[in-house]
Amino acid sequence: MGDAQVAYDNVPFGRLDSRCTLKVGVALEDALNQYIRAFNSWNKCFQAYACEVEGAVLAGIRRHWSEATERLDYASKRLGTVRAYHEGADFPGG
């Protein structure tokens, strides 16, 4: 998670096209936040001697991972529309 957070912290949001930020960036930020929540839940349980990653703890972690996956899928689909918009422009992958 650390590498993803560092990459996010280095995104020059002020220089990005707002359509890209709204269509893709927000969904990716949401996915990152869900992964962080899952990691924090797992880590909190791992640090507690009596905690086991099962039941409600496991369900919560799975819920965060599932939501993150949905947000990544959404961003991937939107990225295709952003690429089409920028076809021929100086856009990574476009």
Protein backbone atom coordinates (compact mmCIF):
# COMPACT_ATOMS: atom_id res chain seq x y z
CA MET A 1 0.00 0.00 0.00
CA GLY A 2 2.91 2.32 0.64
CA ASP A 3 3.99 2.43 -3.02
CA ALA A 4 0.43 3.16 -4.15
CA GLN A 5 0.08 5.94 -1.59
CA VAL A 6 3.39 7.50 -2.66
CA ALA A 7 2.33 7.38 -6.31
CA TYR A 8 -1.01 8.97 -5.44
CA ASP A 9 0.68 11.69 -3.39
CA ASN A 10 2.81 12.59 -6.44
CA VAL A 11 -0.06 12.99 -8.91
CA PRO A 12 -0.10 16.59 -10.23
CA PHE A 13 -3.89 16.98 -10.00
CA GLY A 14 -3.75 20.67 -10.89
CA ARG A 15 -2.21 19.84 -14.28
CA LEU A 16 -4.66 17.08 -15.21
CA ASP A 17 -7.68 17.50 -17.43
CA SER A 18 -10.69 17.67 -15.11
CA ARG A 19 -12.53 15.09 -17.24
CA CYS A 20 -9.78 12.58 -16.56
CA THR A 21 -9.76 13.41 -12.88
CA LEU A 22 -13.53 13.08 -12.58
CA LYS A 23 -13.97 10.03 -14.81
CA VAL A 24 -10.95 8.03 -13.70
CA GLY A 25 -9.07 9.68 -10.84
CA VAL A 26 -11.92 9.77 -8.33
CA ALA A 27 -12.68 6.08 -8.87
CA LEU A 28 -9.00 5.21 -8.46
CA GLU A 29 -8.81 7.28 -5.28
CA ASP A 30 -11.87 5.46 -3.95
CA ALA A 31 -10.26 2.10 -4.77
CA LEU A 32 -7.04 3.09 -3.00
CA ASN A 33 -9.03 4.16 0.05
CA GLN A 34 -10.86 0.81 0.11
CA TYR A 35 -7.57 -1.09 -0.08
CA ILE A 36 -6.20 1.04 2.76
CA ARG A 37 -9.30 0.27 4.87
CA ALA A 38 -8.88 -3.46 4.18
CA PHE A 39 -5.20 -3.29 5.12
CA ASN A 40 -5.93 -1.33 8.29
CA SER A 41 -8.58 -3.86 9.35
CA TRP A 42 -6.23 -6.76 8.72
CA ASN A 43 -3.33 -5.02 10.45
CA LYS A 44 -5.42 -4.06 13.48
CA CYS A 45 -6.51 -7.67 13.86
CA PHE A 46 -2.98 -8.95 13.28
CA GLN A 47 -1.68 -6.70 16.08
CA ALA A 48 -4.35 -7.91 18.53
CA TYR A 49 -3.35 -11.17 20.19
CA ALA A 50 -6.85 -12.66 20.41
CA CYS A 51 -8.11 -11.50 17.01
CA GLU A 52 -8.61 -13.97 14.19
CA VAL A 53 -9.20 -12.97 10.59
CA GLU A 54 -12.55 -14.68 10.24
CA GLY A 55 -16.21 -13.86 10.72
CA ALA A 56 -17.00 -10.15 10.77
CA VAL A 57 -13.35 -9.15 10.40
CA LEU A 58 -12.92 -11.25 7.27
CA ALA A 59 -16.28 -10.09 5.90
CA GLY A 60 -15.22 -6.46 6.33
CA ILE A 61 -11.90 -7.04 4.59
CA ARG A 62 -13.64 -8.82 1.72
CA ARG A 63 -16.19 -6.00 1.44
CA HIS A 64 -13.39 -3.42 1.11
CA TRP A 65 -11.55 -5.54 -1.48
CA SER A 66 -14.75 -6.08 -3.44
CA GLU A 67 -15.54 -2.36 -3.46
CA ALA A 68 -11.98 -1.58 -4.54
CA THR A 69 -12.28 -4.06 -7.40
CA GLU A 70 -15.55 -2.49 -8.53
CA ARG A 71 -13.96 0.97 -8.48
CA LEU A 72 -10.96 -0.29 -10.50
CA ASP A 73 -13.29 -1.87 -13.08
CA TYR A 74 -15.24 1.38 -13.31
CA ALA A 75 -12.02 3.39 -13.75
CA SER A 76 -10.76 1.00 -16.40
CA LYS A 77 -13.94 1.42 -18.44
CA ARG A 78 -13.84 5.21 -18.06
CA LEU A 79 -10.16 5.26 -19.00
CA GLY A 80 -11.15 3.92 -22.41
CA THR A 81 -13.46 6.90 -22.95
CA VAL A 82 -10.78 9.35 -21.81
CA ARG A 83 -8.26 7.75 -24.20
CA ALA A 84 -10.71 8.07 -27.06
CA TYR A 85 -11.16 11.75 -26.23
CA HIS A 86 -7.41 12.34 -26.22
CA GLU A 87 -6.62 10.25 -29.30
CA GLY A 88 -3.61 11.79 -30.95
CA ALA A 89 -2.86 14.03 -27.96
CA ASP A 90 0.10 13.65 -25.65
CA PHE A 91 -1.67 11.16 -23.38
CA PRO A 92 -0.06 8.02 -21.95
CA GLY A 93 -1.46 5.04 -23.78
CA GLY A 94 -3.52 7.23 -26.11
